[in-house]
PDB file of N, CA and C in Angstrom:
ATOM      1  N   UNK A   1      22.304  19.914  35.238  1.00  0.00           N
ATOM      2  CA  UNK A   1      21.324  19.735  34.390  1.00  0.00           C
ATOM      3  C   UNK A   1      21.132  21.116  33.574  1.00  0.00           C
ATOM      4  N   UNK A   2      20.535  20.948  32.350  1.00  0.00           N
ATOM      5  CA  UNK A   2      20.316  22.259  31.351  1.00  0.00           C
ATOM      6  C   UNK A   2      18.805  22.597  31.573  1.00  0.00           C
ATOM      7  N   UNK A   3      18.578  23.770  31.027  1.00  0.00           N
ATOM      8  CA  UNK A   3      17.220  24.312  31.094  1.00  0.00           C
ATOM      9  C   UNK A   3      16.268  23.465  30.192  1.00  0.00           C
ATOM     10  N   UNK A   4      16.676  23.065  29.209  1.00  0.00           N
ATOM     11  CA  UNK A   4      16.136  22.239  28.192  1.00  0.00           C
ATOM     12  C   UNK A   4      15.749  21.058  28.877  1.00  0.00           C
ATOM     13  N   UNK A   5      16.324  20.595  29.877  1.00  0.00           N
ATOM     14  CA  UNK A   5      15.652  19.337  30.728  1.00  0.00           C
ATOM     15  C   UNK A   5      14.973  19.529  31.633  1.00  0.00           C
ATOM     16  N   UNK A   6      15.141  20.763  32.473  1.00  0.00           N
ATOM     17  CA  UNK A   6      14.240  20.954  33.516  1.00  0.00           C
ATOM     18  C   UNK A   6      13.036  21.735  33.129  1.00  0.00           C
ATOM     19  N   UNK A   7      13.178  22.410  32.475  1.00  0.00           N
ATOM     20  CA  UNK A   7      11.949  23.218  32.029  1.00  0.00           C
ATOM     21  C   UNK A   7      10.603  22.435  31.687  1.00  0.00           C
ATOM     22  N   UNK A   8      10.676  21.425  30.937  1.00  0.00           N
ATOM     23  CA  UNK A   8       9.385  20.443  30.616  1.00  0.00           C
ATOM     24  C   UNK A   8       8.917  19.916  31.884  1.00  0.00           C
ATOM     25  N   UNK A   9       9.959  19.454  32.924  1.00  0.00           N
ATOM     26  CA  UNK A   9       9.386  19.027  34.251  1.00  0.00           C
ATOM     27  C   UNK A   9       8.702  19.888  35.096  1.00  0.00           C
ATOM     28  N   UNK A  10       9.138  20.981  35.093  1.00  0.00           N
ATOM     29  CA  UNK A  10       8.632  22.293  35.808  1.00  0.00           C
ATOM     30  C   UNK A  10       7.412  22.779  35.256  1.00  0.00           C
ATOM     31  N   UNK A  11       7.299  22.894  34.103  1.00  0.00           N
ATOM     32  CA  UNK A  11       6.011  23.331  33.343  1.00  0.00           C
ATOM     33  C   UNK A  11       4.898  22.180  33.383  1.00  0.00           C
ATOM     34  N   UNK A  12       5.429  20.919  33.590  1.00  0.00           N
ATOM     35  CA  UNK A  12       4.306  19.883  33.514  1.00  0.00           C
ATOM     36  C   UNK A  12       3.725  19.993  34.978  1.00  0.00           C
ATOM     37  N   UNK A  13       4.603  20.097  36.018  1.00  0.00           N
ATOM     38  CA  UNK A  13       4.192  20.147  37.389  1.00  0.00           C
ATOM     39  C   UNK A  13       3.300  21.369  37.635  1.00  0.00           C
ATOM     40  N   UNK A  14       3.436  22.525  36.900  1.00  0.00           N
ATOM     41  CA  UNK A  14       2.924  23.732  37.230  1.00  0.00           C
ATOM     42  C   UNK A  14       1.279  23.546  36.548  1.00  0.00           C
ATOM     43  N   UNK A  15       1.346  22.740  35.358  1.00  0.00           N
ATOM     44  CA  UNK A  15       0.080  22.641  34.763  1.00  0.00           C
ATOM     45  C   UNK A  15      -0.869  21.453  35.628  1.00  0.00           C
ATOM     46  N   UNK A  16      -0.172  20.447  36.351  1.00  0.00           N
ATOM     47  CA  UNK A  16      -1.076  19.550  37.075  1.00  0.00           C
ATOM     48  C   UNK A  16      -1.392  20.234  38.246  1.00  0.00           C
ATOM     49  N   UNK A  17      -0.914  21.215  38.946  1.00  0.00           N
ATOM     50  CA  UNK A  17      -1.248  21.751  39.991  1.00  0.00           C
ATOM     51  C   UNK A  17      -2.335  22.830  39.599  1.00  0.00           C
ATOM     52  N   UNK A  18      -2.144  23.477  38.387  1.00  0.00           N
ATOM     53  CA  UNK A  18      -2.867  24.723  37.832  1.00  0.00           C
ATOM     54  C   UNK A  18      -4.466  23.916  37.872  1.00  0.00           C
ATOM     55  N   UNK A  19      -4.612  22.483  37.012  1.00  0.00           N
ATOM     56  CA  UNK A  19      -5.567  21.803  36.966  1.00  0.00           C
ATOM     57  C   UNK A  19      -6.278  21.297  38.100  1.00  0.00           C
ATOM     58  N   UNK A  20      -5.573  20.976  39.037  1.00  0.00           N
ATOM     59  CA  UNK A  20      -6.115  20.552  40.393  1.00  0.00           C
ATOM     60  C   UNK A  20      -6.850  21.594  41.175  1.00  0.00           C
ATOM     61  N   UNK A  21      -6.061  22.766  40.931  1.00  0.00           N
ATOM     62  CA  UNK A  21      -6.721  24.211  41.722  1.00  0.00           C
ATOM     63  C   UNK A  21      -8.169  24.459  40.877  1.00  0.00           C
ATOM     64  N   UNK A  22      -7.992  24.687  39.412  1.00  0.00           N
ATOM     65  CA  UNK A  22      -9.142  25.287  38.817  1.00  0.00           C
ATOM     66  C   UNK A  22     -10.265  24.230  38.667  1.00  0.00           C
ATOM     67  N   UNK A  23     -10.022  22.931  39.029  1.00  0.00           N
ATOM     68  CA  UNK A  23     -10.912  21.946  38.689  1.00  0.00           C
ATOM     69  C   UNK A  23     -12.015  22.047  39.658  1.00  0.00           C
ATOM     70  N   UNK A  24     -11.808  22.699  41.051  1.00  0.00           N
ATOM     71  CA  UNK A  24     -12.556  22.990  41.920  1.00  0.00           C
ATOM     72  C   UNK A  24     -13.771  24.089  41.655  1.00  0.00           C
ATOM     73  N   UNK A  25     -12.960  25.160  40.683  1.00  0.00           N
ATOM     74  CA  UNK A  25     -13.938  26.347  40.459  1.00  0.00           C
ATOM     75  C   UNK A  25     -14.495  25.954  39.017  1.00  0.00           C
ATOM     76  N   UNK A  26     -13.842  25.565  38.321  1.00  0.00           N
ATOM     77  CA  UNK A  26     -14.324  25.451  36.803  1.00  0.00           C
ATOM     78  C   UNK A  26     -13.829  24.340  35.877  1.00  0.00           C
ATOM     79  N   UNK A  27     -14.789  23.195  35.565  1.00  0.00           N
ATOM     80  CA  UNK A  27     -14.285  22.229  34.893  1.00  0.00           C
ATOM     81  C   UNK A  27     -13.811  22.634  33.453  1.00  0.00           C
ATOM     82  N   UNK A  28     -14.305  23.644  32.764  1.00  0.00           N
ATOM     83  CA  UNK A  28     -14.101  24.423  31.835  1.00  0.00           C
ATOM     84  C   UNK A  28     -12.615  24.639  31.497  1.00  0.00           C
ATOM     85  N   UNK A  29     -12.457  25.703  32.595  1.00  0.00           N
ATOM     86  CA  UNK A  29     -10.879  26.408  32.694  1.00  0.00           C
ATOM     87  C   UNK A  29      -9.795  25.131  33.128  1.00  0.00           C
ATOM     88  N   UNK A  30     -10.157  24.175  34.089  1.00  0.00           N
ATOM     89  CA  UNK A  30      -9.186  23.189  34.068  1.00  0.00           C
ATOM     90  C   UNK A  30      -8.841  22.508  32.927  1.00  0.00           C
ATOM     91  N   UNK A  31      -9.947  22.283  32.222  1.00  0.00           N
ATOM     92  CA  UNK A  31      -9.624  21.764  30.848  1.00  0.00           C
ATOM     93  C   UNK A  31      -8.689  22.546  29.650  1.00  0.00           C
ATOM     94  N   UNK A  32      -9.072  23.457  29.835  1.00  0.00           N
ATOM     95  CA  UNK A  32      -8.046  24.745  29.028  1.00  0.00           C
ATOM     96  C   UNK A  32      -6.709  24.538  29.614  1.00  0.00           C
ATOM     97  N   UNK A  33      -6.518  24.544  30.672  1.00  0.00           N
ATOM     98  CA  UNK A  33      -5.131  24.642  31.480  1.00  0.00           C
ATOM     99  C   UNK A  33      -4.575  23.177  31.013  1.00  0.00           C
ATOM    100  N   UNK A  34      -5.468  22.157  31.072  1.00  0.00           N
ATOM    101  CA  UNK A  34      -4.726  20.840  30.524  1.00  0.00           C
ATOM    102  C   UNK A  34      -4.056  20.551  29.245  1.00  0.00           C
ATOM    103  N   UNK A  35      -5.071  21.553  28.257  1.00  0.00           N
ATOM    104  CA  UNK A  35      -4.881  21.264  26.956  1.00  0.00           C
ATOM    105  C   UNK A  35      -3.769  22.271  26.406  1.00  0.00           C
ATOM    106  N   UNK A  36      -3.175  23.228  27.188  1.00  0.00           N
ATOM    107  CA  UNK A  36      -2.152  24.311  26.884  1.00  0.00           C
ATOM    108  C   UNK A  36      -1.131  23.662  26.041  1.00  0.00           C
ATOM    109  N   UNK A  37      -0.900  24.142  24.986  1.00  0.00           N
ATOM    110  CA  UNK A  37       0.304  23.446  24.300  1.00  0.00           C
ATOM    111  C   UNK A  37       1.742  23.862  24.749  1.00  0.00           C
ATOM    112  N   UNK A  38       2.188  22.872  25.570  1.00  0.00           N
ATOM    113  CA  UNK A  38       3.396  22.987  26.164  1.00  0.00           C
ATOM    114  C   UNK A  38       4.782  22.372  25.489  1.00  0.00           C
ATOM    115  N   UNK A  39       4.504  21.074  25.156  1.00  0.00           N
ATOM    116  CA  UNK A  39       5.605  20.288  24.417  1.00  0.00           C
ATOM    117  C   UNK A  39       5.846  20.786  22.975  1.00  0.00           C
ATOM    118  N   UNK A  40       4.758  21.258  22.470  1.00  0.00           N
ATOM    119  CA  UNK A  40       4.651  21.608  20.679  1.00  0.00           C
ATOM    120  C   UNK A  40       5.844  22.704  20.731  1.00  0.00           C
ATOM    121  N   UNK A  41       5.894  24.138  21.561  1.00  0.00           N
ATOM    122  CA  UNK A  41       7.067  25.047  21.298  1.00  0.00           C
ATOM    123  C   UNK A  41       8.162  24.511  21.743  1.00  0.00           C
ATOM    124  N   UNK A  42       8.417  23.658  22.977  1.00  0.00           N
ATOM    125  CA  UNK A  42       9.704  23.017  23.127  1.00  0.00           C
ATOM    126  C   UNK A  42      10.397  22.054  22.130  1.00  0.00           C
ATOM    127  N   UNK A  43       9.334  21.300  21.502  1.00  0.00           N
ATOM    128  CA  UNK A  43       9.954  20.361  20.297  1.00  0.00           C
ATOM    129  C   UNK A  43      10.248  21.309  19.288  1.00  0.00           C
ATOM    130  N   UNK A  44       9.502  22.370  19.006  1.00  0.00           N
ATOM    131  CA  UNK A  44       9.903  23.009  17.667  1.00  0.00           C
ATOM    132  C   UNK A  44      11.108  23.856  17.963  1.00  0.00           C
ATOM    133  N   UNK A  45      11.471  24.186  19.199  1.00  0.00           N
ATOM    134  CA  UNK A  45      12.630  24.605  19.567  1.00  0.00           C
ATOM    135  C   UNK A  45      13.963  23.704  19.261  1.00  0.00           C
ATOM    136  N   UNK A  46      13.641  22.657  19.599  1.00  0.00           N
ATOM    137  CA  UNK A  46      14.575  21.641  19.582  1.00  0.00           C
ATOM    138  C   UNK A  46      14.944  21.467  18.093  1.00  0.00           C
ATOM    139  N   UNK A  47      13.837  21.083  17.084  1.00  0.00           N
ATOM    140  CA  UNK A  47      13.827  21.140  15.635  1.00  0.00           C
ATOM    141  C   UNK A  47      14.827  22.184  15.149  1.00  0.00           C
ATOM    142  N   UNK A  48      14.217  23.127  15.290  1.00  0.00           N
ATOM    143  CA  UNK A  48      14.669  24.649  15.015  1.00  0.00           C
ATOM    144  C   UNK A  48      16.162  24.788  15.088  1.00  0.00           C
ATOM    145  N   UNK A  49      16.541  24.398  16.556  1.00  0.00           N
ATOM    146  CA  UNK A  49      18.017  24.744  16.932  1.00  0.00           C
ATOM    147  C   UNK A  49      18.618  23.712  16.324  1.00  0.00           C
ATOM    148  N   UNK A  50      18.134  22.182  16.099  1.00  0.00           N
ATOM    149  CA  UNK A  50      19.382  21.211  15.509  1.00  0.00           C
ATOM    150  C   UNK A  50      19.352  21.607  13.959  1.00  0.00           C
ATOM    151  N   UNK A  51      18.214  22.202  13.311  1.00  0.00           N
ATOM    152  CA  UNK A  51      18.330  22.382  11.851  1.00  0.00           C
ATOM    153  C   UNK A  51      18.924  23.644  11.517  1.00  0.00           C
ATOM    154  N   UNK A  52      19.418  24.588  12.510  1.00  0.00           N
ATOM    155  CA  UNK A  52      19.773  26.013  12.241  1.00  0.00           C
ATOM    156  C   UNK A  52      18.718  26.724  11.696  1.00  0.00           C
ATOM    157  N   UNK A  53      17.399  26.663  11.957  1.00  0.00           N
ATOM    158  CA  UNK A  53      16.375  27.216  11.504  1.00  0.00           C
ATOM    159  C   UNK A  53      15.997  26.958  10.270  1.00  0.00           C
ATOM    160  N   UNK A  54      16.520  25.865   9.511  1.00  0.00           N
ATOM    161  CA  UNK A  54      16.308  25.549   8.133  1.00  0.00           C
ATOM    162  C   UNK A  54      14.838  25.525   8.065  1.00  0.00           C
ATOM    163  N   UNK A  55      14.484  26.412   6.816  1.00  0.00           N
ATOM    164  CA  UNK A  55      12.942  26.318   6.664  1.00  0.00           C
ATOM    165  C   UNK A  55      12.305  25.124   6.570  1.00  0.00           C
ATOM    166  N   UNK A  56      12.717  24.268   5.352  1.00  0.00           N
ATOM    167  CA  UNK A  56      12.191  22.816   5.142  1.00  0.00           C
ATOM    168  C   UNK A  56      11.877  22.017   6.400  1.00  0.00           C
ATOM    169  N   UNK A  57      13.178  21.925   7.189  1.00  0.00           N
ATOM    170  CA  UNK A  57      12.851  21.174   8.221  1.00  0.00           C
ATOM    171  C   UNK A  57      11.814  21.620   9.331  1.00  0.00           C
ATOM    172  N   UNK A  58      11.896  22.815   9.479  1.00  0.00           N
ATOM    173  CA  UNK A  58      10.632  23.290  10.275  1.00  0.00           C
ATOM    174  C   UNK A  58       9.326  23.078   9.864  1.00  0.00           C
ATOM    175  N   UNK A  59       9.205  23.330   8.565  1.00  0.00           N
ATOM    176  CA  UNK A  59       7.948  23.283   7.785  1.00  0.00           C
ATOM    177  C   UNK A  59       7.474  21.772   7.895  1.00  0.00           C
ATOM    178  N   UNK A  60       8.355  20.776   7.623  1.00  0.00           N
ATOM    179  CA  UNK A  60       8.034  19.424   7.366  1.00  0.00           C
ATOM    180  C   UNK A  60       7.584  19.036   9.135  1.00  0.00           C
ATOM    181  N   UNK A  61       8.377  19.527   9.947  1.00  0.00           N
ATOM    182  CA  UNK A  61       7.797  19.208  11.587  1.00  0.00           C
ATOM    183  C   UNK A  61       6.723  19.771  11.800  1.00  0.00           C
ATOM    184  N   UNK A  62       6.282  21.004  11.444  1.00  0.00           N
ATOM    185  CA  UNK A  62       5.102  21.589  11.616  1.00  0.00           C
ATOM    186  C   UNK A  62       4.010  20.655  10.974  1.00  0.00           C
ATOM    187  N   UNK A  63       4.045  20.406   9.868  1.00  0.00           N
ATOM    188  CA  UNK A  63       3.049  19.682   9.232  1.00  0.00           C
ATOM    189  C   UNK A  63       2.801  18.458   9.758  1.00  0.00           C
ATOM    190  N   UNK A  64       3.889  17.850  10.403  1.00  0.00           N
ATOM    191  CA  UNK A  64       3.654  16.623  10.970  1.00  0.00           C
ATOM    192  C   UNK A  64       2.978  16.835  12.523  1.00  0.00           C
ATOM    193  N   UNK A  65       3.185  17.954  13.050  1.00  0.00           N
ATOM    194  CA  UNK A  65       2.487  18.411  14.199  1.00  0.00           C
ATOM    195  C   UNK A  65       0.966  18.509  13.995  1.00  0.00           C
ATOM    196  N   UNK A  66       0.628  19.073  12.793  1.00  0.00           N
ATOM    197  CA  UNK A  66      -0.796  19.382  12.677  1.00  0.00           C
ATOM    198  C   UNK A  66      -1.541  17.901  12.320  1.00  0.00           C
ATOM    199  N   UNK A  67      -0.891  16.978  11.481  1.00  0.00           N
ATOM    200  CA  UNK A  67      -1.364  15.765  11.208  1.00  0.00           C
ATOM    201  C   UNK A  67      -1.519  14.986  12.631  1.00  0.00           C
ATOM    202  N   UNK A  68      -0.508  15.154  13.568  1.00  0.00           N
ATOM    203  CA  UNK A  68      -0.400  14.339  14.875  1.00  0.00           C
ATOM    204  C   UNK A  68      -1.600  14.817  15.755  1.00  0.00           C
ATOM    205  N   UNK A  69      -2.273  16.124  15.301  1.00  0.00           N
ATOM    206  CA  UNK A  69      -3.219  16.400  16.236  1.00  0.00           C
ATOM    207  C   UNK A  69      -4.628  15.769  15.876  1.00  0.00           C
ATOM    208  N   UNK A  70      -4.728  14.964  14.979  1.00  0.00           N
ATOM    209  CA  UNK A  70      -5.984  14.323  14.421  1.00  0.00           C
ATOM    210  C   UNK A  70      -6.139  13.077  15.453  1.00  0.00           C
ATOM    211  N   UNK A  71      -4.892  12.075  15.759  1.00  0.00           N
ATOM    212  CA  UNK A  71      -5.421  11.221  16.674  1.00  0.00           C
ATOM    213  C   UNK A  71      -5.372  11.808  18.043  1.00  0.00           C
ATOM    214  N   UNK A  72      -4.874  12.817  18.340  1.00  0.00           N
ATOM    215  CA  UNK A  72      -5.187  13.168  19.910  1.00  0.00           C
ATOM    216  C   UNK A  72      -6.885  13.770  19.802  1.00  0.00           C
ATOM    217  N   UNK A  73      -7.205  14.478  18.722  1.00  0.00           N
ATOM    218  CA  UNK A  73      -8.809  14.805  18.796  1.00  0.00           C
ATOM    219  C   UNK A  73      -9.382  13.343  18.861  1.00  0.00           C
ATOM    220  N   UNK A  74      -9.214  12.467  18.205  1.00  0.00           N
ATOM    221  CA  UNK A  74      -9.759  10.988  18.365  1.00  0.00           C
ATOM    222  C   UNK A  74      -9.870  10.668  19.869  1.00  0.00           C
ATOM    223  N   UNK A  75      -8.455  10.684  20.395  1.00  0.00           N
ATOM    224  CA  UNK A  75      -8.403  10.359  21.825  1.00  0.00           C
ATOM    225  C   UNK A  75      -9.458  11.005  22.627  1.00  0.00           C
ATOM    226  N   UNK A  76      -9.593  12.462  22.531  1.00  0.00           N
ATOM    227  CA  UNK A  76     -10.376  13.223  23.355  1.00  0.00           C
ATOM    228  C   UNK A  76     -11.930  13.000  22.935  1.00  0.00           C
ATOM    229  N   UNK A  77     -12.222  12.800  21.898  1.00  0.00           N
ATOM    230  CA  UNK A  77     -13.452  12.446  21.475  1.00  0.00           C
ATOM    231  C   UNK A  77     -13.896  10.982  22.155  1.00  0.00           C
ATOM    232  N   UNK A  78     -13.045  10.022  22.058  1.00  0.00           N
ATOM    233  CA  UNK A  78     -13.249   8.784  22.520  1.00  0.00           C
ATOM    234  C   UNK A  78     -13.662   8.904  24.316  1.00  0.00           C
ATOM    235  N   UNK A  79     -12.574   9.795  24.954  1.00  0.00           N
ATOM    236  CA  UNK A  79     -12.927  10.011  26.249  1.00  0.00           C
ATOM    237  C   UNK A  79     -14.160  10.710  26.560  1.00  0.00           C
ATOM    238  N   UNK A  80     -14.683  11.601  25.817  1.00  0.00           N
ATOM    239  CA  UNK A  80     -15.966  12.223  26.044  1.00  0.00           C
ATOM    240  C   UNK A  80     -16.776  11.212  25.819  1.00  0.00           C
ATOM    241  N   UNK A  81     -17.031  10.475  24.870  1.00  0.00           N
ATOM    242  CA  UNK A  81     -17.906   9.459  24.533  1.00  0.00           C
ATOM    243  C   UNK A  81     -17.898   8.230  25.612  1.00  0.00           C
ATOM    244  N   UNK A  82     -16.692   7.779  25.962  1.00  0.00           N
ATOM    245  CA  UNK A  82     -16.755   6.883  26.888  1.00  0.00           C
ATOM    246  C   UNK A  82     -17.117   7.387  28.140  1.00  0.00           C
ATOM    247  N   UNK A  83     -17.095   8.483  28.743  1.00  0.00           N
ATOM    248  CA  UNK A  83     -17.662   9.312  29.866  1.00  0.00           C
ATOM    249  C   UNK A  83     -19.142   9.344  29.924  1.00  0.00           C
ATOM    250  N   UNK A  84     -19.644   9.785  28.675  1.00  0.00           N
ATOM    251  CA  UNK A  84     -21.067   9.872  28.824  1.00  0.00           C
ATOM    252  C   UNK A  84     -21.583   8.332  28.889  1.00  0.00           C
ATOM    253  N   UNK A  85     -20.910   7.332  28.372  1.00  0.00           N
ATOM    254  CA  UNK A  85     -21.301   5.964  28.527  1.00  0.00           C
ATOM    255  C   UNK A  85     -21.079   5.365  30.039  1.00  0.00           C
ATOM    256  N   UNK A  86     -20.461   6.176  30.705  1.00  0.00           N
ATOM    257  CA  UNK A  86     -20.234   5.560  32.121  1.00  0.00           C
ATOM    258  C   UNK A  86     -19.106   4.787  32.451  1.00  0.00           C
ATOM    259  N   UNK A  87     -18.147   4.902  31.585  1.00  0.00           N
ATOM    260  CA  UNK A  87     -16.949   4.118  31.758  1.00  0.00           C
ATOM    261  C   UNK A  87     -16.150   4.657  33.143  1.00  0.00           C
ATOM    262  N   UNK A  88     -15.585   3.697  33.880  1.00  0.00           N
ATOM    263  CA  UNK A  88     -14.742   3.945  35.018  1.00  0.00           C
ATOM    264  C   UNK A  88     -13.260   4.544  34.108  1.00  0.00           C
ATOM    265  N   UNK A  89     -12.476   4.992  35.271  1.00  0.00           N
ATOM    266  CA  UNK A  89     -11.306   5.688  34.870  1.00  0.00           C
ATOM    267  C   UNK A  89     -10.379   4.963  33.856  1.00  0.00           C
ATOM    268  N   UNK A  90      -9.985   3.742  34.237  1.00  0.00           N
ATOM    269  CA  UNK A  90      -8.978   2.795  33.549  1.00  0.00           C
ATOM    270  C   UNK A  90      -9.513   2.451  32.240  1.00  0.00           C
ATOM    271  N   UNK A  91     -10.922   2.021  32.057  1.00  0.00           N
ATOM    272  CA  UNK A  91     -11.275   1.696  30.812  1.00  0.00           C
ATOM    273  C   UNK A  91     -11.430   2.770  29.832  1.00  0.00           C
ATOM    274  N   UNK A  92     -11.896   4.177  30.610  1.00  0.00           N
ATOM    275  CA  UNK A  92     -11.853   5.225  29.785  1.00  0.00           C
ATOM    276  C   UNK A  92     -10.601   5.637  29.051  1.00  0.00           C
ATOM    277  N   UNK A  93      -9.631   5.684  29.901  1.00  0.00           N
ATOM    278  CA  UNK A  93      -8.330   5.824  29.455  1.00  0.00           C
ATOM    279  C   UNK A  93      -7.660   4.915  28.346  1.00  0.00           C
ATOM    280  N   UNK A  94      -8.050   3.554  28.407  1.00  0.00           N
ATOM    281  CA  UNK A  94      -7.585   2.671  27.531  1.00  0.00           C
ATOM    282  C   UNK A  94      -8.585   2.771  25.995  1.00  0.00           C
ATOM    283  N   UNK A  95      -9.872   3.205  26.228  1.00  0.00           N
ATOM    284  CA  UNK A  95     -10.561   3.420  25.119  1.00  0.00           C
ATOM    285  C   UNK A  95     -10.003   4.895  24.291  1.00  0.00           C
ATOM    286  N   UNK A  96      -9.409   5.698  25.021  1.00  0.00           N
ATOM    287  CA  UNK A  96      -9.119   6.883  24.505  1.00  0.00           C
ATOM    288  C   UNK A  96      -7.816   6.374  23.910  1.00  0.00           C
ATOM    289  N   UNK A  97      -6.925   5.761  24.341  1.00  0.00           N
ATOM    290  CA  UNK A  97      -5.606   5.296  23.700  1.00  0.00           C
ATOM    291  C   UNK A  97      -5.859   4.355  22.577  1.00  0.00           C
ATOM    292  N   UNK A  98      -6.906   3.477  22.622  1.00  0.00           N
ATOM    293  CA  UNK A  98      -7.281   2.688  21.393  1.00  0.00           C
ATOM    294  C   UNK A  98      -7.661   3.472  20.268  1.00  0.00           C
ATOM    295  N   UNK A  99      -8.450   4.698  20.692  1.00  0.00           N
ATOM    296  CA  UNK A  99      -9.040   5.428  19.342  1.00  0.00           C
ATOM    297  C   UNK A  99      -7.723   6.193  18.891  1.00  0.00           C
ATOM    298  N   UNK A 100      -6.763   6.589  19.841  1.00  0.00           N
ATOM    299  CA  UNK A 100      -5.700   7.444  19.338  1.00  0.00           C
ATOM    300  C   UNK A 100      -4.815   6.445  18.392  1.00  0.00           C
ATOM    301  N   UNK A 101      -4.537   5.191  18.847  1.00  0.00           N
ATOM    302  CA  UNK A 101      -3.782   4.308  18.153  1.00  0.00           C
ATOM    303  C   UNK A 101      -4.397   3.925  16.678  1.00  0.00           C
ATOM    304  N   UNK A 102      -5.641   3.758  16.894  1.00  0.00           N
ATOM    305  CA  UNK A 102      -6.298   3.251  15.685  1.00  0.00           C
ATOM    306  C   UNK A 102      -6.243   4.279  14.337  1.00  0.00           C
ATOM    307  N   UNK A 103      -6.685   5.633  14.951  1.00  0.00           N
ATOM    308  CA  UNK A 103      -6.468   6.691  14.246  1.00  0.00           C
ATOM    309  C   UNK A 103      -5.118   6.960  13.544  1.00  0.00           C
ATOM    310  N   UNK A 104      -4.138   6.803  14.577  1.00  0.00           N
ATOM    311  CA  UNK A 104      -2.839   6.935  14.089  1.00  0.00           C
ATOM    312  C   UNK A 104      -2.433   6.127  13.182  1.00  0.00           C
ATOM    313  N   UNK A 105      -2.848   4.589  13.283  1.00  0.00           N
ATOM    314  CA  UNK A 105      -2.407   3.692  12.096  1.00  0.00           C
ATOM    315  C   UNK A 105      -2.972   3.838  10.770  1.00  0.00           C
ATOM    316  N   UNK A 106      -4.288   4.672  10.881  1.00  0.00           N
ATOM    317  CA  UNK A 106      -4.808   4.938   9.621  1.00  0.00           C
ATOM    318  C   UNK A 106      -4.080   6.192   9.081  1.00  0.00           C
ATOM    319  N   UNK A 107      -3.742   7.036   9.685  1.00  0.00           N
ATOM    320  CA  UNK A 107      -2.936   8.285   9.320  1.00  0.00           C
ATOM    321  C   UNK A 107      -1.769   8.116   8.706  1.00  0.00           C
ATOM    322  N   UNK A 108      -0.879   7.098   9.588  1.00  0.00           N
ATOM    323  CA  UNK A 108       0.346   6.647   8.818  1.00  0.00           C
ATOM    324  C   UNK A 108       0.053   5.949   7.550  1.00  0.00           C
ATOM    325  N   UNK A 109      -0.736   5.041   7.226  1.00  0.00           N
ATOM    326  CA  UNK A 109      -1.197   4.355   6.133  1.00  0.00           C
ATOM    327  C   UNK A 109      -1.640   5.241   5.013  1.00  0.00           C
ATOM    328  N   UNK A 110      -2.436   6.233   5.506  1.00  0.00           N
ATOM    329  CA  UNK A 110      -2.871   7.250   4.491  1.00  0.00           C
ATOM    330  C   UNK A 110      -1.652   8.036   4.030  1.00  0.00           C
ATOM    331  N   UNK A 111      -0.849   8.434   5.026  1.00  0.00           N
ATOM    332  CA  UNK A 111       0.207   9.419   4.570  1.00  0.00           C
ATOM    333  C   UNK A 111       1.471   8.622   3.536  1.00  0.00           C
ATOM    334  N   UNK A 112       1.581   7.252   3.772  1.00  0.00           N
ATOM    335  CA  UNK A 112       2.317   6.535   3.186  1.00  0.00           C
ATOM    336  C   UNK A 112       1.834   6.300   1.545  1.00  0.00           C
ATOM    337  N   UNK A 113       0.401   5.958   1.688  1.00  0.00           N
ATOM    338  CA  UNK A 113      -0.407   5.795   0.335  1.00  0.00           C
ATOM    339  C   UNK A 113      -0.388   7.101  -0.574  1.00  0.00           C
ATOM    340  N   UNK A 114      -0.853   8.143   0.066  1.00  0.00           N
ATOM    341  CA  UNK A 114      -0.760   9.489  -0.499  1.00  0.00           C
ATOM    342  C   UNK A 114       0.593  10.207  -0.624  1.00  0.00           C
ATOM    343  N   UNK A 115       1.534   9.789  -0.025  1.00  0.00           N
ATOM    344  CA  UNK A 115       3.009  10.180  -0.285  1.00  0.00           C
ATOM    345  C   UNK A 115       3.178  11.665   0.272  1.00  0.00           C
ATOM    346  N   UNK A 116       2.568  12.059   1.526  1.00  0.00           N
ATOM    347  CA  UNK A 116       3.150  13.198   2.242  1.00  0.00           C
ATOM    348  C   UNK A 116       3.475  12.961   3.592  1.00  0.00           C
TER     349      UNK A 116
END
């Protein structure tokens, strides 16, 4: 196995353990640990390497990353509102993914319509 295959798994395990440990001390710091951007730099590295650092490819990927954050924010807000409403775990997660998917579909439609 190569490091680019092992590293994401190791980092994910470290984050899960960190969240479990921090959760007992501070929900805020546990949430920060849970939202540390890990896959973004690894994905950027893959795009950068495969395009030999070609500026246009990196710029297009970075723009798509920024746009991709919008559905993720919707997911998080849906989780927060669902938790405030007293949803149990499974309905809470399903609500988050429904919001994520709905906003993603809107974003894809707008992207095609506006041409970016």
